[in-house]
C-alpha atoms as a PDB file:
ATOM      1  CA  UNK A   1      83.327  58.097 127.715  1.00  0.00           C
ATOM      2  CA  UNK A   2      84.463  54.491 127.297  1.00  0.00           C
ATOM      3  CA  UNK A   3      83.908  52.270 130.341  1.00  0.00           C
ATOM      4  CA  UNK A   4      87.077  50.168 130.476  1.00  0.00           C
ATOM      5  CA  UNK A   5      85.547  47.804 133.034  1.00  0.00           C
ATOM      6  CA  UNK A   6      83.176  46.512 130.365  1.00  0.00           C
ATOM      7  CA  UNK A   7      85.956  45.689 127.900  1.00  0.00           C
ATOM      8  CA  UNK A   8      87.841  42.377 127.755  1.00  0.00           C
ATOM      9  CA  UNK A   9      91.621  42.076 127.730  1.00  0.00           C
ATOM     10  CA  UNK A  10      93.233  40.870 124.506  1.00  0.00           C
ATOM     11  CA  UNK A  11      94.454  37.290 124.887  1.00  0.00           C
ATOM     12  CA  UNK A  12      97.551  35.556 123.561  1.00  0.00           C
ATOM     13  CA  UNK A  13      95.846  34.402 120.356  1.00  0.00           C
ATOM     14  CA  UNK A  14      95.434  38.012 119.242  1.00  0.00           C
ATOM     15  CA  UNK A  15      99.189  38.596 119.225  1.00  0.00           C
ATOM     16  CA  UNK A  16     100.554  35.404 117.665  1.00  0.00           C
ATOM     17  CA  UNK A  17      99.278  36.171 114.159  1.00  0.00           C
ATOM     18  CA  UNK A  18     101.010  37.816 111.179  1.00  0.00           C
ATOM     19  CA  UNK A  19     102.532  41.171 112.097  1.00  0.00           C
ATOM     20  CA  UNK A  20     100.584  43.223 109.544  1.00  0.00           C
ATOM     21  CA  UNK A  21      97.276  41.650 110.512  1.00  0.00           C
ATOM     22  CA  UNK A  22      97.972  42.425 114.163  1.00  0.00           C
ATOM     23  CA  UNK A  23      99.090  45.950 113.274  1.00  0.00           C
ATOM     24  CA  UNK A  24      95.811  46.788 111.551  1.00  0.00           C
ATOM     25  CA  UNK A  25      93.791  45.112 114.288  1.00  0.00           C
ATOM     26  CA  UNK A  26      95.585  47.137 116.970  1.00  0.00           C
ATOM     27  CA  UNK A  27      93.952  50.303 115.658  1.00  0.00           C
ATOM     28  CA  UNK A  28      91.068  51.207 117.931  1.00  0.00           C
ATOM     29  CA  UNK A  29      92.262  48.944 120.753  1.00  0.00           C
ATOM     30  CA  UNK A  30      92.919  50.527 124.156  1.00  0.00           C
ATOM     31  CA  UNK A  31      96.422  50.627 125.637  1.00  0.00           C
ATOM     32  CA  UNK A  32      96.476  50.599 129.450  1.00  0.00           C
ATOM     33  CA  UNK A  33      99.248  51.172 131.996  1.00  0.00           C
ATOM     34  CA  UNK A  34      98.333  50.700 135.651  1.00  0.00           C
ATOM     35  CA  UNK A  35     100.672  52.580 137.992  1.00  0.00           C
ATOM     36  CA  UNK A  36      99.655  51.840 141.556  1.00  0.00           C
ATOM     37  CA  UNK A  37      96.104  53.132 141.877  1.00  0.00           C
ATOM     38  CA  UNK A  38      96.504  55.352 138.799  1.00  0.00           C
ATOM     39  CA  UNK A  39      95.369  54.202 135.359  1.00  0.00           C
ATOM     40  CA  UNK A  40      96.713  55.699 132.129  1.00  0.00           C
ATOM     41  CA  UNK A  41      94.897  54.663 128.968  1.00  0.00           C
ATOM     42  CA  UNK A  42      94.290  55.641 125.364  1.00  0.00           C
ATOM     43  CA  UNK A  43      93.045  54.446 121.984  1.00  0.00           C
ATOM     44  CA  UNK A  44      95.742  53.273 119.574  1.00  0.00           C
ATOM     45  CA  UNK A  45      95.402  55.369 116.402  1.00  0.00           C
ATOM     46  CA  UNK A  46      98.716  54.816 114.584  1.00  0.00           C
ATOM     47  CA  UNK A  47     101.114  51.870 114.246  1.00  0.00           C
ATOM     48  CA  UNK A  48     103.975  50.521 112.139  1.00  0.00           C
ATOM     49  CA  UNK A  49     104.814  46.863 111.447  1.00  0.00           C
ATOM     50  CA  UNK A  50     108.370  45.453 111.474  1.00  0.00           C
ATOM     51  CA  UNK A  51     109.421  42.001 110.232  1.00  0.00           C
ATOM     52  CA  UNK A  52     113.092  41.036 110.540  1.00  0.00           C
ATOM     53  CA  UNK A  53     112.833  38.232 107.966  1.00  0.00           C
ATOM     54  CA  UNK A  54     112.588  40.706 105.054  1.00  0.00           C
ATOM     55  CA  UNK A  55     112.697  44.158 106.617  1.00  0.00           C
ATOM     56  CA  UNK A  56     116.060  45.907 106.945  1.00  0.00           C
ATOM     57  CA  UNK A  57     114.544  48.521 109.257  1.00  0.00           C
ATOM     58  CA  UNK A  58     113.527  45.881 111.825  1.00  0.00           C
ATOM     59  CA  UNK A  59     115.862  45.444 114.792  1.00  0.00           C
ATOM     60  CA  UNK A  60     115.698  41.666 114.247  1.00  0.00           C
ATOM     61  CA  UNK A  61     117.062  41.827 110.685  1.00  0.00           C
ATOM     62  CA  UNK A  62     120.601  41.491 112.101  1.00  0.00           C
ATOM     63  CA  UNK A  63     119.626  38.303 114.036  1.00  0.00           C
ATOM     64  CA  UNK A  64     119.159  37.889 117.784  1.00  0.00           C
ATOM     65  CA  UNK A  65     120.967  40.224 120.180  1.00  0.00           C
ATOM     66  CA  UNK A  66     120.583  41.112 123.853  1.00  0.00           C
ATOM     67  CA  UNK A  67     118.640  44.198 122.816  1.00  0.00           C
ATOM     68  CA  UNK A  68     116.083  42.530 120.542  1.00  0.00           C
ATOM     69  CA  UNK A  69     115.765  39.027 122.053  1.00  0.00           C
ATOM     70  CA  UNK A  70     112.237  39.635 123.325  1.00  0.00           C
ATOM     71  CA  UNK A  71     111.115  40.113 119.702  1.00  0.00           C
ATOM     72  CA  UNK A  72     111.964  36.454 119.093  1.00  0.00           C
ATOM     73  CA  UNK A  73     109.556  35.299 121.782  1.00  0.00           C
ATOM     74  CA  UNK A  74     105.951  34.357 121.051  1.00  0.00           C
ATOM     75  CA  UNK A  75     103.693  37.372 120.514  1.00  0.00           C
ATOM     76  CA  UNK A  76     102.191  39.174 123.471  1.00  0.00           C
ATOM     77  CA  UNK A  77     105.185  40.877 125.076  1.00  0.00           C
ATOM     78  CA  UNK A  78     106.302  44.517 125.186  1.00  0.00           C
ATOM     79  CA  UNK A  79     109.561  45.440 123.441  1.00  0.00           C
ATOM     80  CA  UNK A  80     110.943  48.735 124.731  1.00  0.00           C
ATOM     81  CA  UNK A  81     114.083  50.367 123.379  1.00  0.00           C
ATOM     82  CA  UNK A  82     115.930  53.673 123.782  1.00  0.00           C
ATOM     83  CA  UNK A  83     116.605  55.655 120.631  1.00  0.00           C
ATOM     84  CA  UNK A  84     118.578  58.725 119.551  1.00  0.00           C
ATOM     85  CA  UNK A  85     119.820  59.032 123.121  1.00  0.00           C
ATOM     86  CA  UNK A  86     116.588  60.835 123.921  1.00  0.00           C
ATOM     87  CA  UNK A  87     113.475  58.710 124.331  1.00  0.00           C
ATOM     88  CA  UNK A  88     111.954  55.253 124.652  1.00  0.00           C
ATOM     89  CA  UNK A  89     109.691  53.558 122.129  1.00  0.00           C
ATOM     90  CA  UNK A  90     107.301  50.670 122.815  1.00  0.00           C
ATOM     91  CA  UNK A  91     106.395  47.812 120.513  1.00  0.00           C
ATOM     92  CA  UNK A  92     103.969  44.911 120.610  1.00  0.00           C
ATOM     93  CA  UNK A  93     105.725  41.606 119.873  1.00  0.00           C
ATOM     94  CA  UNK A  94     103.745  39.482 117.394  1.00  0.00           C
ATOM     95  CA  UNK A  95     103.788  36.101 115.706  1.00  0.00           C
ATOM     96  CA  UNK A  96     105.046  32.669 116.685  1.00  0.00           C
ATOM     97  CA  UNK A  97     108.282  32.115 118.598  1.00  0.00           C
ATOM     98  CA  UNK A  98     111.380  33.146 116.599  1.00  0.00           C
ATOM     99  CA  UNK A  99     109.332  35.215 114.136  1.00  0.00           C
ATOM    100  CA  UNK A 100     111.195  38.405 115.069  1.00  0.00           C
ATOM    101  CA  UNK A 101     108.226  40.676 114.396  1.00  0.00           C
ATOM    102  CA  UNK A 102     106.684  43.568 116.289  1.00  0.00           C
ATOM    103  CA  UNK A 103     104.415  46.585 115.930  1.00  0.00           C
ATOM    104  CA  UNK A 104     105.578  50.057 116.936  1.00  0.00           C
ATOM    105  CA  UNK A 105     102.918  52.170 118.664  1.00  0.00           C
ATOM    106  CA  UNK A 106     103.150  55.600 117.027  1.00  0.00           C
ATOM    107  CA  UNK A 107      99.959  57.403 118.046  1.00  0.00           C
ATOM    108  CA  UNK A 108      97.472  57.218 120.919  1.00  0.00           C
ATOM    109  CA  UNK A 109      94.312  59.208 121.664  1.00  0.00           C
ATOM    110  CA  UNK A 110      94.371  59.752 125.464  1.00  0.00           C
ATOM    111  CA  UNK A 111      91.471  58.574 127.638  1.00  0.00           C
ATOM    112  CA  UNK A 112      92.226  58.107 131.351  1.00  0.00           C
ATOM    113  CA  UNK A 113      94.901  59.907 133.353  1.00  0.00           C
ATOM    114  CA  UNK A 114      95.303  62.838 130.978  1.00  0.00           C
ATOM    115  CA  UNK A 115      96.342  65.180 133.803  1.00  0.00           C
ATOM    116  CA  UNK A 116      99.149  62.770 134.738  1.00  0.00           C
ATOM    117  CA  UNK A 117     100.220  62.484 131.097  1.00  0.00           C
ATOM    118  CA  UNK A 118     100.420  66.273 130.828  1.00  0.00           C
ATOM    119  CA  UNK A 119     102.601  66.438 133.932  1.00  0.00           C
ATOM    120  CA  UNK A 120     104.822  63.633 132.623  1.00  0.00           C
ATOM    121  CA  UNK A 121     105.298  65.324 129.251  1.00  0.00           C
ATOM    122  CA  UNK A 122     105.403  69.030 130.065  1.00  0.00           C
ATOM    123  CA  UNK A 123     105.635  69.342 133.840  1.00  0.00           C
ATOM    124  CA  UNK A 124     102.374  71.315 133.791  1.00  0.00           C
ATOM    125  CA  UNK A 125      98.954  70.850 135.368  1.00  0.00           C
ATOM    126  CA  UNK A 126      97.132  71.984 132.234  1.00  0.00           C
ATOM    127  CA  UNK A 127      97.871  71.469 128.569  1.00  0.00           C
ATOM    128  CA  UNK A 128      98.478  74.672 126.533  1.00  0.00           C
ATOM    129  CA  UNK A 129      95.955  75.084 123.699  1.00  0.00           C
ATOM    130  CA  UNK A 130      98.692  74.905 121.070  1.00  0.00           C
ATOM    131  CA  UNK A 131      99.724  71.481 122.458  1.00  0.00           C
ATOM    132  CA  UNK A 132      96.234  69.950 122.416  1.00  0.00           C
ATOM    133  CA  UNK A 133      97.139  67.137 120.036  1.00  0.00           C
ATOM    134  CA  UNK A 134     100.832  66.987 120.910  1.00  0.00           C
ATOM    135  CA  UNK A 135     100.515  64.842 124.020  1.00  0.00           C
ATOM    136  CA  UNK A 136     100.832  61.321 122.583  1.00  0.00           C
ATOM    137  CA  UNK A 137     101.248  61.794 118.822  1.00  0.00           C
ATOM    138  CA  UNK A 138     104.591  60.041 118.474  1.00  0.00           C
ATOM    139  CA  UNK A 139     106.355  56.944 119.875  1.00  0.00           C
ATOM    140  CA  UNK A 140     108.664  58.841 122.222  1.00  0.00           C
ATOM    141  CA  UNK A 141     105.837  61.052 123.467  1.00  0.00           C
ATOM    142  CA  UNK A 142     103.727  57.991 124.231  1.00  0.00           C
ATOM    143  CA  UNK A 143     106.392  56.394 126.417  1.00  0.00           C
ATOM    144  CA  UNK A 144     107.014  59.655 128.264  1.00  0.00           C
ATOM    145  CA  UNK A 145     103.304  60.297 128.841  1.00  0.00           C
ATOM    146  CA  UNK A 146     102.582  56.685 129.856  1.00  0.00           C
ATOM    147  CA  UNK A 147     105.723  56.381 132.020  1.00  0.00           C
ATOM    148  CA  UNK A 148     107.152  53.524 129.974  1.00  0.00           C
ATOM    149  CA  UNK A 149     110.885  52.904 130.167  1.00  0.00           C
ATOM    150  CA  UNK A 150     113.486  50.130 130.009  1.00  0.00           C
ATOM    151  CA  UNK A 151     112.115  48.547 133.181  1.00  0.00           C
ATOM    152  CA  UNK A 152     109.026  47.558 131.168  1.00  0.00           C
ATOM    153  CA  UNK A 153     111.031  45.618 128.587  1.00  0.00           C
ATOM    154  CA  UNK A 154     109.542  42.138 128.176  1.00  0.00           C
ATOM    155  CA  UNK A 155     106.325  42.715 130.123  1.00  0.00           C
ATOM    156  CA  UNK A 156     103.664  40.112 129.388  1.00  0.00           C
ATOM    157  CA  UNK A 157     100.703  41.950 127.863  1.00  0.00           C
ATOM    158  CA  UNK A 158      98.248  39.430 129.253  1.00  0.00           C
ATOM    159  CA  UNK A 159      99.177  40.533 132.781  1.00  0.00           C
ATOM    160  CA  UNK A 160      97.756  43.376 134.868  1.00  0.00           C
ATOM    161  CA  UNK A 161     100.345  46.163 134.611  1.00  0.00           C
ATOM    162  CA  UNK A 162     100.445  46.967 130.902  1.00  0.00           C
ATOM    163  CA  UNK A 163      97.834  45.407 128.626  1.00  0.00           C
ATOM    164  CA  UNK A 164      95.433  46.055 125.758  1.00  0.00           C
ATOM    165  CA  UNK A 165      91.653  45.999 125.765  1.00  0.00           C
ATOM    166  CA  UNK A 166      89.215  45.022 123.050  1.00  0.00           C
ATOM    167  CA  UNK A 167      87.193  47.881 121.567  1.00  0.00           C
ATOM    168  CA  UNK A 168      84.970  48.434 118.562  1.00  0.00           C
ATOM    169  CA  UNK A 169      86.294  46.961 115.315  1.00  0.00           C
ATOM    170  CA  UNK A 170      87.694  49.491 112.863  1.00  0.00           C
ATOM    171  CA  UNK A 171      86.434  49.265 109.279  1.00  0.00           C
ATOM    172  CA  UNK A 172      88.947  49.077 106.426  1.00  0.00           C
ATOM    173  CA  UNK A 173      87.672  52.352 104.976  1.00  0.00           C
ATOM    174  CA  UNK A 174      88.677  54.089 108.218  1.00  0.00           C
ATOM    175  CA  UNK A 175      92.315  52.926 107.947  1.00  0.00           C
ATOM    176  CA  UNK A 176      94.990  54.787 105.984  1.00  0.00           C
ATOM    177  CA  UNK A 177      97.946  52.698 104.764  1.00  0.00           C
ATOM    178  CA  UNK A 178     101.282  54.387 103.968  1.00  0.00           C
ATOM    179  CA  UNK A 179     104.999  53.750 104.000  1.00  0.00           C
ATOM    180  CA  UNK A 180     106.697  54.083 107.370  1.00  0.00           C
ATOM    181  CA  UNK A 181     108.331  57.302 108.545  1.00  0.00           C
ATOM    182  CA  UNK A 182     111.564  58.162 110.358  1.00  0.00           C
ATOM    183  CA  UNK A 183     113.546  55.254 108.854  1.00  0.00           C
ATOM    184  CA  UNK A 184     116.221  54.960 106.164  1.00  0.00           C
ATOM    185  CA  UNK A 185     115.937  51.269 105.222  1.00  0.00           C
ATOM    186  CA  UNK A 186     113.121  49.295 103.544  1.00  0.00           C
ATOM    187  CA  UNK A 187     111.367  52.623 103.087  1.00  0.00           C
ATOM    188  CA  UNK A 188     109.008  51.361 100.372  1.00  0.00           C
ATOM    189  CA  UNK A 189     107.140  48.838 102.524  1.00  0.00           C
ATOM    190  CA  UNK A 190     103.548  50.067 103.065  1.00  0.00           C
ATOM    191  CA  UNK A 191     103.467  48.986 106.698  1.00  0.00           C
ATOM    192  CA  UNK A 192     102.226  52.081 108.496  1.00  0.00           C
ATOM    193  CA  UNK A 193      98.554  52.224 109.433  1.00  0.00           C
ATOM    194  CA  UNK A 194      96.536  54.967 111.082  1.00  0.00           C
ATOM    195  CA  UNK A 195      92.962  56.049 111.683  1.00  0.00           C
ATOM    196  CA  UNK A 196      91.724  58.403 109.014  1.00  0.00           C
ATOM    197  CA  UNK A 197      91.194  62.001 110.183  1.00  0.00           C
ATOM    198  CA  UNK A 198      92.281  61.277 113.758  1.00  0.00           C
ATOM    199  CA  UNK A 199      94.088  64.374 115.134  1.00  0.00           C
ATOM    200  CA  UNK A 200      96.359  62.302 117.396  1.00  0.00           C
ATOM    201  CA  UNK A 201      98.269  60.725 114.493  1.00  0.00           C
ATOM    202  CA  UNK A 202     101.945  61.778 114.475  1.00  0.00           C
ATOM    203  CA  UNK A 203     102.053  62.762 110.803  1.00  0.00           C
ATOM    204  CA  UNK A 204      99.372  62.726 108.106  1.00  0.00           C
END
């Protein structure tokens, strides 16, 4: 079991780099949401990068709007949006101010607060065997399990409510690079990264 108390919080410098560098480096890091005295956490195992300067699938490609304005801030904030009228998705804002880049969190391997995540997702006290890897293997599932919604839009990730922790560095040979999924624009960009053989990835 990973002792979170021994891990340091990622600082601002981690987030203000190029979006694809940050995306790869996010793999293996630990995502934490403190809710009162309850801690929900998990290892990031799958991400996708978005860059509005060249990427038609990025929300910032159409320029600044009320919805995407946090993506134009300096890296280190949480961008949360509602999609398909069904679920929220959370993104890590990256780069310098006005870069318009962010990383979508697509897959997490749960650590702390699994019982609470199960209740949040399925309304059950125990996870059915056929749902073992279905708890946080998708962006909408992550937000539901981690209780992330529109109220968390713009949260500073160097604060104490939602933040990321340093963890062991992932080797390049452990990372799979593919095109992104679930989009219809800029589909050829190889900007999806996930941990090889990890069962909590949304789609191999």
